[in-house]
Protein backbone atom coordinates (compact mmCIF):
# COMPACT_ATOMS: atom_id res chain seq x y z
CA MET A 1 -118.70 85.91 24.14
CA SER A 2 -120.86 86.09 27.24
CA ASP A 3 -119.42 85.91 30.78
CA ARG A 4 -122.15 83.37 31.55
CA PRO A 5 -120.76 80.00 30.50
CA GLY A 6 -124.21 78.42 30.66
CA LEU A 7 -125.20 80.32 27.52
CA ASN A 8 -122.40 78.61 25.56
CA THR A 9 -121.53 75.07 24.56
CA ASP A 10 -119.43 73.30 27.18
CA GLY A 11 -115.72 73.67 26.42
CA SER A 12 -116.16 76.58 23.99
CA VAL A 13 -115.24 79.46 26.31
CA ASP A 14 -111.71 80.87 25.99
CA TYR A 15 -110.76 82.50 29.29
CA SER A 16 -107.16 83.39 28.30
CA HIS A 17 -108.11 86.94 27.35
CA TYR A 18 -110.15 87.56 30.56
CA ASN A 19 -108.79 89.97 33.12
CA GLU A 20 -108.82 89.04 36.81
CA GLU A 21 -112.15 90.71 37.53
CA GLN A 22 -113.83 88.85 34.65
CA LEU A 23 -112.38 85.55 35.87
CA PHE A 24 -113.90 86.02 39.32
CA ARG A 25 -117.31 86.88 37.81
CA ALA A 26 -117.13 83.74 35.69
CA LEU A 27 -116.18 81.66 38.74
CA ARG A 28 -119.17 82.97 40.69
CA SER A 29 -121.63 82.10 37.94
CA ILE A 30 -120.34 78.81 36.51
CA ASP A 31 -122.00 75.44 37.19
CA SER A 32 -119.00 73.14 37.43
CA GLU A 33 -121.10 69.94 37.16
CA ARG A 34 -123.05 71.07 34.08
CA TYR A 35 -120.07 72.66 32.33
CA PRO A 36 -117.02 70.64 33.43
CA LEU A 37 -114.97 71.53 30.34
CA ASN A 38 -115.55 75.24 30.73
CA PHE A 39 -114.75 74.92 34.44
CA ALA A 40 -111.47 73.18 33.51
CA ASN A 41 -110.66 76.03 31.10
CA LEU A 42 -111.40 78.53 33.86
CA LYS A 43 -109.10 76.73 36.30
CA ALA A 44 -106.37 76.79 33.66
CA ALA A 45 -106.79 80.55 33.32
CA PHE A 46 -106.43 80.96 37.09
CA ALA A 47 -103.37 78.73 37.03
CA ALA A 48 -101.82 80.85 34.28
CA ARG A 49 -102.09 83.80 36.67
CA GLN A 50 -100.58 81.68 39.47
CA ILE A 51 -103.90 81.43 41.37
CA PRO A 52 -104.22 77.66 42.07
CA ILE A 53 -107.66 75.98 42.40
CA ASP A 54 -107.96 72.53 43.91
CA ASP A 55 -109.74 69.99 41.65
CA SER A 56 -111.76 68.67 44.59
CA LEU A 57 -113.46 72.03 45.22
CA ASN A 58 -116.75 73.05 43.70
CA ALA A 59 -117.18 76.51 42.18
CA ALA A 60 -118.17 78.26 45.40
CA ASP A 61 -115.36 76.70 47.43
CA ALA A 62 -112.90 77.40 44.64
CA LEU A 63 -113.97 81.04 44.56
CA MET A 64 -113.42 81.44 48.30
CA ALA A 65 -110.01 79.72 48.11
CA ALA A 66 -108.93 81.80 45.15
CA GLU A 67 -110.04 85.07 46.74
CA ARG A 68 -108.27 84.20 50.01
CA LEU A 69 -105.08 83.54 48.07
CA VAL A 70 -105.33 86.67 45.92
CA PHE A 71 -106.16 89.04 48.76
CA SER A 72 -103.52 87.53 51.05
CA ARG A 73 -100.75 87.99 48.47
CA PRO A 74 -98.36 90.90 49.09
CA ALA A 75 -98.85 93.96 46.95
CA PRO A 76 -96.90 93.83 43.70
CA ARG A 77 -93.45 95.36 43.88
CA PRO A 78 -93.30 98.85 42.33
CA VAL A 79 -91.28 98.97 39.10
CA THR A 80 -88.09 101.01 39.44
CA GLU A 81 -85.67 101.98 36.68
CA TYR A 82 -82.10 101.30 37.72
CA PRO A 83 -79.41 103.47 36.06
CA ILE A 84 -76.95 101.31 34.13
CA ALA A 85 -73.91 101.74 31.88
CA PHE A 86 -72.69 99.52 29.05
CA ALA A 87 -68.99 100.11 29.73
CA PRO A 88 -66.96 100.16 32.95
CA ARG A 89 -66.25 103.91 32.73
CA PRO A 90 -69.06 105.56 30.82
CA GLY A 91 -68.23 108.78 29.05
CA PHE A 92 -68.44 110.49 25.68
CA LEU A 93 -65.98 108.08 24.06
CA THR A 94 -68.10 105.09 25.12
CA TRP A 95 -71.06 106.73 23.38
CA LEU A 96 -69.02 106.87 20.19
CA GLY A 97 -67.32 103.49 20.49
CA PRO A 98 -68.58 100.21 19.06
CA SER A 99 -70.96 98.28 21.28
CA ARG A 100 -69.74 95.27 23.26
CA ASN A 101 -73.11 93.56 23.55
CA ASP A 102 -75.49 91.88 21.12
CA PHE A 103 -78.13 94.61 21.49
CA ARG A 104 -75.66 97.23 20.15
CA LEU A 105 -76.28 99.50 23.14
CA VAL A 106 -73.65 102.04 24.19
CA GLY A 107 -73.24 104.82 26.75
CA VAL A 108 -75.62 104.91 29.71
CA GLY A 109 -79.29 104.04 30.18
CA GLY A 110 -81.59 102.17 32.55
CA ILE A 111 -83.29 98.84 33.22
CA GLU A 112 -86.79 98.07 34.52
CA VAL A 113 -87.94 94.61 35.66
CA HIS A 114 -91.68 94.09 35.19
CA ALA A 115 -93.81 91.03 35.98
CA GLU A 116 -93.41 89.46 32.55
CA ARG A 117 -90.75 91.55 30.78
CA VAL A 118 -87.51 93.42 31.21
CA SER A 119 -87.17 96.85 29.62
CA VAL A 120 -83.64 98.07 28.81
CA ARG A 121 -82.92 101.63 27.72
CA GLY A 122 -79.66 102.75 26.14
CA ARG A 123 -78.07 104.49 23.19
CA ARG A 124 -77.75 102.82 19.84
CA PHE A 125 -76.44 104.13 16.53
CA GLY A 126 -79.24 104.72 14.06
CA PHE A 127 -79.79 105.90 10.52
CA ILE A 128 -80.27 109.57 11.52
CA LEU A 129 -76.77 110.87 10.76
CA GLY A 130 -75.42 107.87 12.64
CA LEU A 131 -76.23 109.54 15.96
CA PRO A 132 -76.29 107.43 19.14
CA LEU A 133 -79.95 108.06 19.98
CA MET A 134 -81.89 106.58 22.88
CA ARG A 135 -83.52 103.20 22.20
CA ARG A 136 -85.61 100.86 24.35
CA VAL A 137 -85.32 97.08 24.11
CA GLU A 138 -88.15 94.89 25.49
CA ILE A 139 -87.17 91.35 26.55
CA HIS A 140 -89.69 88.72 27.63
CA LYS A 141 -88.75 87.56 31.10
CA GLY A 142 -89.22 83.91 30.17
CA ASP A 143 -86.52 84.24 27.51
CA ILE A 144 -83.83 85.30 29.99
CA THR A 145 -81.33 82.68 31.15
CA ASN A 146 -77.75 82.26 32.41
CA VAL A 147 -77.79 85.28 34.74
CA GLU A 148 -74.41 86.12 36.31
CA VAL A 149 -73.28 88.79 38.76
CA ALA A 150 -69.87 90.00 39.95
CA GLU A 151 -69.60 93.05 42.19
CA ASN A 152 -71.61 95.75 40.40
CA VAL A 153 -71.73 93.98 37.02
CA VAL A 154 -74.66 91.89 35.73
CA ARG A 155 -74.70 89.68 32.65
CA PHE A 156 -77.49 87.61 31.18
CA GLU A 157 -78.43 85.90 27.95
CA CYS A 158 -81.79 85.61 26.25
CA HIS A 159 -83.24 83.41 23.54
CA ALA A 160 -83.31 85.12 20.14
CA GLY A 161 -84.88 82.36 18.04
CA GLU A 162 -83.38 79.45 16.09
CA GLY A 163 -81.38 78.38 19.10
CA LYS A 164 -79.41 81.65 19.18
CA LEU A 165 -78.61 83.57 22.34
CA LYS A 166 -78.04 87.30 22.76
CA SER A 167 -75.96 88.55 25.66
CA LEU A 168 -76.08 91.79 27.61
CA THR A 169 -73.56 92.99 30.18
CA PHE A 170 -74.03 96.19 32.15
CA TRP A 171 -72.69 98.07 35.16
CA VAL A 172 -74.89 99.37 38.01
CA ALA A 173 -74.24 101.68 40.97
CA ASP A 174 -72.99 99.05 43.45
CA SER A 175 -73.12 95.36 44.38
CA THR A 176 -76.33 95.80 46.40
CA VAL A 177 -78.21 97.05 43.36
CA ALA A 178 -76.71 94.24 41.28
CA GLU A 179 -77.90 91.56 43.73
CA ASP A 180 -81.36 93.13 43.92
CA LEU A 181 -81.64 93.05 40.13
CA VAL A 182 -80.46 89.46 39.90
CA HIS A 183 -83.11 88.35 42.43
CA GLN A 184 -85.79 89.77 40.11
CA LEU A 185 -84.46 87.90 37.06
CA PRO A 186 -85.06 84.20 36.28
CA ALA A 187 -82.65 81.83 38.01
CA GLU A 188 -82.79 79.23 35.22
CA ARG A 189 -79.54 78.27 33.54
CA MET A 190 -79.11 76.18 30.42
CA PRO A 191 -77.55 72.68 30.75
CA ASP A 192 -74.47 73.70 28.75
CA PHE A 193 -74.01 76.99 30.65
CA VAL A 194 -70.40 78.14 31.04
CA PRO A 195 -69.70 81.25 33.17
CA GLN A 196 -68.39 84.09 30.99
CA LEU A 197 -68.63 87.22 33.12
CA ALA A 198 -65.25 86.73 34.80
CA SER A 199 -63.43 86.42 31.46
CA TYR A 200 -65.32 89.47 30.16
CA LEU A 201 -64.20 91.59 33.13
CA ASP A 202 -60.62 90.31 32.81
CA PHE A 203 -60.69 91.39 29.15
CA GLU A 204 -61.93 94.89 30.07
CA GLU A 205 -59.24 95.27 32.74
CA HIS A 206 -56.60 94.02 30.32
CA LEU A 207 -57.59 96.64 27.74
CA GLU A 208 -57.67 99.44 30.31
CA ASN A 209 -54.22 98.59 31.67
CA ARG A 210 -52.58 98.29 28.25
CA ALA A 211 -53.34 101.86 27.09
CA PRO A 212 -55.30 103.78 29.75
CA ARG A 213 -54.77 107.24 28.20
CA LEU A 214 -54.91 106.41 24.45
CA PRO A 215 -51.94 108.66 23.55
CA VAL A 216 -51.82 107.81 19.83
CA THR A 217 -55.56 108.17 19.18
CA SER A 218 -55.65 111.43 21.14
CA ALA A 219 -52.59 112.84 19.36
CA PHE A 220 -54.01 111.95 15.93
CA ALA A 221 -57.34 113.64 16.75
CA ILE A 222 -55.66 116.77 18.18
CA LEU A 223 -53.33 117.10 15.20
CA SER A 224 -56.24 116.72 12.76
CA LEU A 225 -58.17 119.44 14.59
CA LEU A 226 -55.13 121.72 14.62
CA MET A 227 -54.51 121.28 10.89
CA PHE A 228 -58.18 121.94 10.16
CA CYS A 229 -58.05 125.21 12.12
CA LEU A 230 -54.86 126.26 10.32
CA THR A 231 -56.31 125.56 6.86
CA ILE A 232 -59.51 127.43 7.77
CA TYR A 233 -57.42 130.37 8.98
CA ASN A 234 -55.55 130.36 5.67
CA GLY A 235 -58.65 130.44 3.51
CA ALA A 236 -60.08 126.90 3.36
CA GLU A 237 -63.85 126.54 3.31
CA TRP A 238 -65.87 125.29 6.29
CA PHE A 239 -68.16 123.21 4.08
CA ASN A 240 -66.88 123.20 0.47
CA ALA A 241 -64.14 120.77 -0.53
CA THR A 242 -62.21 122.95 -3.00
CA GLY A 243 -58.88 121.43 -1.98
CA VAL A 244 -56.79 124.44 -3.06
CA VAL A 245 -55.58 125.43 0.41
CA GLN A 246 -55.02 121.80 1.36
CA ILE A 247 -52.46 121.46 -1.45
CA ALA A 248 -50.27 124.05 0.26
CA TRP A 249 -50.59 122.25 3.60
CA GLY A 250 -49.71 118.75 2.42
CA SER A 251 -52.62 116.99 0.70
CA ASN A 252 -51.73 114.03 -1.50
CA PHE A 253 -51.70 116.10 -4.68
CA SER A 254 -50.28 113.76 -7.33
CA PRO A 255 -48.15 116.29 -9.29
CA SER A 256 -46.53 117.54 -6.10
CA THR A 257 -46.13 114.12 -4.49
CA LEU A 258 -44.63 112.56 -7.62
CA SER A 259 -42.29 115.52 -8.09
CA GLY A 260 -40.45 114.47 -4.93
CA GLN A 261 -42.65 115.71 -2.06
CA TRP A 262 -43.14 112.17 -0.71
CA TRP A 263 -43.89 113.46 2.77
CA ARG A 264 -47.40 114.15 1.43
CA LEU A 265 -48.05 110.38 1.73
CA LEU A 266 -48.26 110.97 5.47
CA THR A 267 -49.44 114.57 5.91
CA TYR A 268 -52.61 114.12 3.83
CA SER A 269 -54.05 111.97 6.64
CA PHE A 270 -54.30 114.99 8.96
CA LEU A 271 -56.10 117.26 6.46
CA HIS A 272 -59.84 117.36 5.80
CA TYR A 273 -62.26 118.95 3.36
CA GLY A 274 -64.80 120.75 5.54
CA ILE A 275 -66.20 120.30 9.02
CA PHE A 276 -68.45 117.34 8.18
CA HIS A 277 -65.55 115.39 6.68
CA LEU A 278 -63.50 116.07 9.81
CA ALA A 279 -66.33 115.22 12.22
CA PHE A 280 -67.12 111.91 10.51
CA ASN A 281 -63.50 110.76 10.54
CA LEU A 282 -62.96 111.80 14.16
CA TRP A 283 -66.10 109.91 15.14
CA ALA A 284 -64.79 106.77 13.42
CA LEU A 285 -61.38 107.28 15.05
CA ALA A 286 -62.94 107.55 18.52
CA SER A 287 -65.17 104.56 17.80
CA PHE A 288 -62.57 102.10 16.54
CA GLY A 289 -59.20 103.66 17.30
CA ALA A 290 -59.64 103.43 21.07
CA ILE A 291 -60.36 99.69 21.07
CA ALA A 292 -57.59 99.02 18.51
CA GLU A 293 -55.00 100.94 20.52
CA ARG A 294 -55.88 98.94 23.62
CA LEU A 295 -55.89 95.63 21.77
CA TYR A 296 -52.48 96.18 20.15
CA GLY A 297 -50.82 98.57 22.57
CA SER A 298 -49.85 102.14 21.70
CA LEU A 299 -46.53 101.39 19.96
CA ARG A 300 -47.89 98.69 17.64
CA TYR A 301 -51.03 100.71 17.03
CA ALA A 302 -48.92 103.73 16.02
CA SER A 303 -47.01 101.59 13.52
CA ILE A 304 -50.32 100.30 12.08
CA CYS A 305 -51.54 103.89 11.60
CA PHE A 306 -48.25 105.02 10.05
CA VAL A 307 -47.97 102.15 7.57
CA SER A 308 -51.68 102.34 6.66
CA ALA A 309 -51.35 106.06 5.89
CA ILE A 310 -48.33 105.47 3.61
CA VAL A 311 -49.82 102.47 1.79
CA GLY A 312 -53.22 104.18 1.48
CA GLY A 313 -51.57 107.25 -0.07
CA MET A 314 -49.57 105.13 -2.49
CA ALA A 315 -52.69 103.21 -3.52
CA SER A 316 -54.47 106.53 -4.18
CA LEU A 317 -51.72 107.60 -6.56
CA ALA A 318 -51.60 104.19 -8.24
CA MET A 319 -55.38 104.05 -8.85
CA ALA A 320 -55.81 107.63 -10.11
CA ALA A 321 -53.55 109.53 -12.51
CA GLN A 322 -54.55 112.93 -11.11
CA ILE A 323 -55.70 113.18 -7.52
CA ASN A 324 -55.84 115.67 -4.68
CA SER A 325 -56.56 113.47 -1.70
CA ALA A 326 -56.98 114.27 1.99
CA GLY A 327 -58.53 112.60 5.02
CA ALA A 328 -57.89 110.01 7.71
CA SER A 329 -59.71 107.10 6.09
CA GLY A 330 -56.51 105.39 4.95
CA VAL A 331 -55.54 105.18 8.61
CA LEU A 332 -59.08 104.25 9.65
CA PHE A 333 -59.23 101.37 7.18
CA GLY A 334 -55.88 100.19 8.48
CA ILE A 335 -57.47 100.14 11.94
CA PHE A 336 -60.44 98.18 10.54
CA GLY A 337 -58.10 95.62 8.99
CA ALA A 338 -56.11 95.16 12.19
CA LEU A 339 -59.31 94.85 14.24
CA LEU A 340 -60.73 92.21 11.90
CA VAL A 341 -57.58 90.12 12.36
CA SER A 342 -58.01 90.31 16.15
CA GLU A 343 -61.72 89.59 15.94
CA VAL A 344 -61.43 86.64 13.58
CA ARG A 345 -58.27 84.81 14.62
CA GLY A 346 -56.04 86.91 16.82
CA THR A 347 -54.05 85.94 19.89
CA GLU A 348 -55.99 88.29 22.18
CA PRO A 349 -58.37 86.46 24.58
CA ILE A 350 -61.50 88.35 23.51
CA PRO A 351 -64.75 86.90 24.94
CA GLU A 352 -66.88 85.45 22.16
CA SER A 353 -69.87 87.75 22.74
CA VAL A 354 -67.62 90.85 22.63
CA LYS A 355 -65.73 89.52 19.61
CA ARG A 356 -68.98 88.90 17.73
CA SER A 357 -70.31 92.39 18.42
CA LEU A 358 -67.04 94.13 17.51
CA ARG A 359 -66.65 92.09 14.33
CA ASN A 360 -70.16 92.98 13.16
CA SER A 361 -69.60 96.70 13.86
CA THR A 362 -66.23 96.74 12.07
CA LEU A 363 -67.48 94.86 9.01
CA PHE A 364 -70.60 97.02 8.73
CA PHE A 365 -68.67 100.30 8.88
CA ALA A 366 -65.95 99.14 6.47
CA LEU A 367 -68.41 97.76 3.90
CA VAL A 368 -70.63 100.85 3.97
CA SER A 369 -67.58 103.11 3.46
CA LEU A 370 -66.25 101.00 0.57
CA ILE A 371 -69.63 100.83 -1.17
CA SER A 372 -70.04 104.60 -0.76
CA GLY A 373 -66.67 105.06 -2.43
CA PHE A 374 -67.87 103.15 -5.51
CA LEU A 375 -71.26 104.86 -5.63
CA PHE A 376 -70.37 108.50 -4.97
CA LYS A 377 -67.88 110.72 -6.74
CA GLY A 378 -65.22 112.45 -4.67
CA ILE A 379 -64.48 109.55 -2.26
CA ASP A 380 -60.98 108.09 -2.54
CA ASN A 381 -61.43 104.33 -2.45
CA GLY A 382 -57.75 103.89 -3.29
CA ALA A 383 -56.82 105.05 0.21
CA HIS A 384 -59.57 102.83 1.66
CA ILE A 385 -58.34 99.68 -0.09
CA GLY A 386 -54.67 100.39 0.50
CA GLY A 387 -55.22 101.14 4.18
CA LEU A 388 -57.32 98.01 4.65
CA VAL A 389 -54.68 95.78 3.05
CA ALA A 390 -51.95 97.36 5.18
CA GLY A 391 -54.00 96.96 8.37
CA ILE A 392 -54.74 93.29 7.70
CA PHE A 393 -51.09 92.44 7.04
CA MET A 394 -49.89 94.45 10.04
CA GLY A 395 -52.50 92.75 12.22
CA MET A 396 -51.35 89.32 11.05
CA ALA A 397 -47.73 90.26 11.71
CA PHE A 398 -48.57 91.23 15.30
CA GLN A 399 -51.33 88.81 16.27
CA SER A 400 -51.41 85.71 14.11
CA PRO A 401 -51.20 82.55 16.25
CA ARG A 402 -48.94 80.96 13.59
CA ARG A 403 -45.29 81.98 13.51
CA ILE A 404 -44.95 81.49 9.75
CA ILE A 405 -47.74 84.01 9.09
CA ARG A 406 -46.12 86.52 11.45
CA ILE A 407 -43.07 86.33 9.18
CA VAL A 408 -44.75 86.09 5.78
CA ALA A 409 -47.25 88.94 6.40
CA PRO A 410 -44.72 91.80 6.81
CA VAL A 411 -42.56 90.44 3.97
CA THR A 412 -45.60 90.41 1.65
CA LEU A 413 -46.51 93.96 2.70
CA VAL A 414 -42.94 95.17 2.03
CA LEU A 415 -43.05 93.57 -1.45
CA PHE A 416 -46.42 95.25 -2.12
CA VAL A 417 -45.00 98.64 -1.11
CA ALA A 418 -41.85 98.07 -3.17
CA VAL A 419 -43.74 97.14 -6.35
CA THR A 420 -46.20 100.02 -5.97
CA GLY A 421 -43.39 102.42 -5.12
CA ALA A 422 -41.41 101.35 -8.19
CA GLY A 423 -44.41 102.05 -10.39
CA LEU A 424 -44.90 105.48 -8.85
CA ALA A 425 -41.19 106.26 -9.19
CA LYS A 426 -41.40 105.36 -12.89
CA ARG A 427 -44.35 107.72 -13.28
CA ALA A 428 -42.44 110.44 -11.48
CA GLN A 429 -39.41 109.89 -13.73
CA ASP A 430 -41.54 110.00 -16.87
CA ALA A 431 -43.24 113.21 -15.78
CA SER A 432 -41.99 116.40 -17.40
CA PRO A 433 -39.55 118.38 -15.21
CA VAL A 434 -41.24 121.52 -16.54
CA GLU A 435 -44.60 120.25 -15.28
CA ALA A 436 -43.12 119.53 -11.84
CA SER A 437 -41.69 123.07 -11.73
CA TYR A 438 -45.07 124.50 -12.70
CA TRP A 439 -46.84 122.72 -9.82
CA GLU A 440 -44.21 124.07 -7.43
CA GLU A 441 -45.13 127.57 -8.61
CA VAL A 442 -48.81 126.76 -8.04
CA SER A 443 -47.97 125.68 -4.48
CA TRP A 444 -46.08 128.97 -3.94
CA PHE A 445 -49.09 130.91 -5.26
CA VAL A 446 -51.62 129.09 -3.05
CA THR A 447 -49.44 129.65 0.01
CA ASN A 448 -48.94 133.39 -0.51
CA GLU A 449 -52.18 134.51 -2.15
CA PRO A 450 -54.24 134.76 1.09
CA HIS A 451 -51.97 137.55 2.40
CA ALA A 452 -52.35 139.56 -0.84
CA VAL A 453 -56.12 139.07 -0.82
CA ALA A 454 -56.31 140.14 2.83
CA SER A 455 -54.34 143.33 2.02
CA TRP A 456 -56.71 144.12 -0.85
CA GLN A 457 -59.74 143.58 1.40
CA GLU A 458 -58.22 145.94 3.99
CA VAL A 459 -57.92 148.67 1.34
CA GLN A 460 -61.56 148.10 0.36
CA ARG A 461 -62.58 148.45 4.03
CA LEU A 462 -60.72 151.73 4.36
CA ALA A 463 -62.31 153.02 1.15
CA ARG A 464 -65.84 152.20 2.34
CA ALA A 465 -65.15 153.95 5.63
CA ASN A 466 -63.58 156.99 3.92
CA ALA A 467 -60.65 156.48 6.29
CA MET A 468 -57.86 157.20 3.79
CA ALA A 469 -57.32 159.67 0.96
CA ASP A 470 -56.91 158.53 -2.65
CA VAL A 471 -53.16 159.02 -3.02
CA PRO A 472 -52.15 157.31 0.27
CA MET A 473 -54.48 154.46 -0.67
CA ALA A 474 -52.76 154.16 -4.04
CA GLU A 475 -49.39 153.99 -2.27
CA LYS A 476 -50.69 151.27 0.05
CA LEU A 477 -51.82 149.21 -2.94
CA THR A 478 -48.46 149.75 -4.64
CA GLU A 479 -46.47 148.60 -1.61
CA GLU A 480 -48.64 145.79 -0.16
CA VAL A 481 -50.80 144.34 -2.95
CA LEU A 482 -49.23 144.99 -6.36
CA PRO A 483 -45.88 143.14 -5.84
CA PHE A 484 -47.51 139.72 -5.33
CA TRP A 485 -49.50 139.93 -8.57
CA GLN A 486 -46.48 141.20 -10.51
CA GLU A 487 -44.41 138.26 -9.26
CA SER A 488 -47.23 135.76 -9.92
CA THR A 489 -47.57 136.95 -13.52
CA ALA A 490 -43.83 136.71 -14.01
CA ARG A 491 -43.62 133.22 -12.52
CA PHE A 492 -46.37 131.73 -14.75
CA ALA A 493 -45.45 133.51 -17.99
CA PRO A 494 -42.52 131.27 -19.13
CA PHE A 495 -44.40 127.94 -19.06
CA LYS A 496 -45.71 126.36 -22.28
CA PHE A 497 -47.95 123.25 -22.32
CA HIS A 498 -49.84 121.31 -24.95
CA ALA A 499 -53.52 122.17 -25.31
CA GLY A 500 -56.06 119.61 -24.09
CA THR A 501 -54.07 118.48 -21.04
CA GLU A 502 -55.02 119.13 -17.42
CA VAL A 503 -51.83 121.07 -16.76
CA PHE A 504 -52.58 123.30 -19.79
CA ASP A 505 -56.04 124.14 -18.40
CA SER A 506 -54.57 124.87 -14.98
CA HIS A 507 -51.85 127.08 -16.47
CA GLU A 508 -54.34 129.08 -18.53
CA TYR A 509 -56.45 129.59 -15.42
CA MET A 510 -53.48 130.76 -13.33
CA LYS A 511 -52.37 133.21 -16.03
CA ARG A 512 -55.89 134.65 -16.29
CA VAL A 513 -56.19 135.06 -12.51
CA ALA A 514 -52.73 136.58 -12.02
CA GLY A 515 -52.97 138.76 -15.14
CA GLY A 516 -56.52 139.88 -14.36
CA ARG A 517 -55.68 140.82 -10.78
CA LEU A 518 -52.51 142.64 -11.88
CA HIS A 519 -54.31 144.67 -14.53
CA ALA A 520 -57.16 145.54 -12.14
CA ILE A 521 -54.79 146.65 -9.35
CA GLU A 522 -52.75 148.77 -11.76
CA GLN A 523 -56.00 150.38 -12.99
CA CYS A 524 -57.10 151.07 -9.43
CA ILE A 525 -53.75 152.70 -8.55
CA SER A 526 -53.93 154.85 -11.68
CA GLY A 527 -57.54 155.91 -10.97
CA LEU A 528 -56.80 156.78 -7.33
CA ARG A 529 -53.80 158.92 -8.25
CA ALA A 530 -55.86 160.73 -10.91
CA HIS A 531 -58.95 160.91 -8.65
CA ASP A 532 -60.86 159.28 -11.55
CA VAL A 533 -63.91 157.41 -10.22
CA GLY A 534 -64.58 155.82 -13.61
CA ILE A 535 -61.20 154.07 -13.71
CA VAL A 536 -61.64 152.81 -10.14
CA GLU A 537 -65.08 151.41 -11.03
CA ALA A 538 -63.60 149.65 -14.05
CA CYS A 539 -61.01 148.15 -11.71
CA MET A 540 -63.69 146.83 -9.38
CA LYS A 541 -65.62 145.38 -12.32
CA GLU A 542 -62.55 143.48 -13.52
CA MET A 543 -61.90 142.23 -9.98
CA GLY A 544 -65.47 140.87 -9.91
CA GLU A 545 -64.91 139.03 -13.21
CA VAL A 546 -61.80 137.37 -11.78
CA ASP A 547 -63.76 136.42 -8.65
CA GLN A 548 -66.35 134.75 -10.88
CA LEU A 549 -63.60 132.85 -12.70
CA ILE A 550 -62.18 131.64 -9.36
CA ARG A 551 -65.59 130.42 -8.16
CA ALA A 552 -66.07 128.40 -11.36
CA ARG A 553 -62.60 126.86 -10.97
CA GLU A 554 -63.21 126.00 -7.31
CA GLU A 555 -66.42 124.19 -8.23
CA LYS A 556 -64.45 122.09 -10.72
CA LEU A 557 -61.73 121.36 -8.13
CA LYS A 558 -64.42 120.40 -5.64
CA ASN A 559 -65.61 117.68 -8.00
CA ASN A 560 -62.06 116.43 -8.59
CA SER A 561 -60.84 116.49 -4.97
CA SER A 562 -61.07 113.20 -3.13
CA ALA A 563 -62.09 112.98 0.51
CA HIS A 564 -61.83 109.81 2.55
């Protein structure tokens, strides 16, 4: 399309895509009397750029008036990014926590106000390992409405299509910055506008005052970390979920739990299978536990966690005949259930925009975790479902606006626990006492084996370094290593089980490990005393065969252990 309107049919020129320089060239060359429609289109383009042209002026006069106006305007204000935060006290926990705005932004970021748009930068959880990575949200300035300010806090809404509004609340350095930002944003407010910023800030202050230090969430996280370090120190894997060491430290291992070790229904919540399992659960705890503890208060929140752990553990046992379960997800799903009660129909005065954002985050996380439990092997959905049920009923008991529900909810939960507990007690009663005794011996073995293995490895180190003669080394093996394998063999020998059962397979494995180690150590002692290298090499070969047997068994246990 030519810049010379005279070469085109009157009314056919579209000036909307012209830049300012092209508009002025067109204004200089146009014949307003010959091409009145094109001249009208040109005036509309100037008007769109807020450069008014009087209808009574001809082209030349209009050009002079427009240029006077343009060149007399102040220079455009430079765009500055203002640092902002999406929580009153930004820190690492606010990066991990659920967002409290409709753009799902967390942590800290910045805001830039341009001529026609507002650019907001912040962290948002994405699909890359769920990390809170930096995102940038572009908002058309004309869509912004209902701007509010209070001290150093700014809130506005923007049109999101189909009559929906999205809200964003953020904190800036001080009230001066807040006022400066507000002056750059549209002043328009919708006819049905109702101020919401004051109630939002009251809600934040209420949460902060109720549980400023988060004692329960912090204690749960610290205890989980401590237990992880202890299990690693005692032989657990950093990445592989074998579950053997966790049995000794209190995982919800069905034979042991049903044999009377009911305390495992609580302790399993603090144990984890590998660093990734631990990190994921601690992230979820920091994300949702903090807001739940502040919504319910520390005492009620602690009771929600306790009951959810117990009910989640019982549900695991009820839904699986043989299970070795560990992880905090029973507690986490209890937190999800309690949060959903607050976010749907609780007594807490949660602002609607915050409630909507929290509800979406909670539902998304809970549904993804449940679906993963059905799709992938090794995830204990029993603990998920049991914890969720417990959390919902506990939430209703604490926060339902109706008194009858606050009474019925805990009664129903007690009945659920009683019925499930009766079923588990019947299973425990029907279980063979011999089988229960066997699993106690397994627990003893798992607890004491690491020390015997460490002593054997120390002897190997001394042998490689030529730091000890053969006979003293044989005596060291006799005193520090041999007794454990003699006792292990003696403990497992009396048991008899029917072939084809899981306990039979486990018993055969334990006898082969204990017997193989015992025979190898006895060979090694004999070879060292006789200074016979061939016997010692045969010992080492047999030790390697037992190691291979253990690795195969651990791979099987890894597939049968349930993390959550």
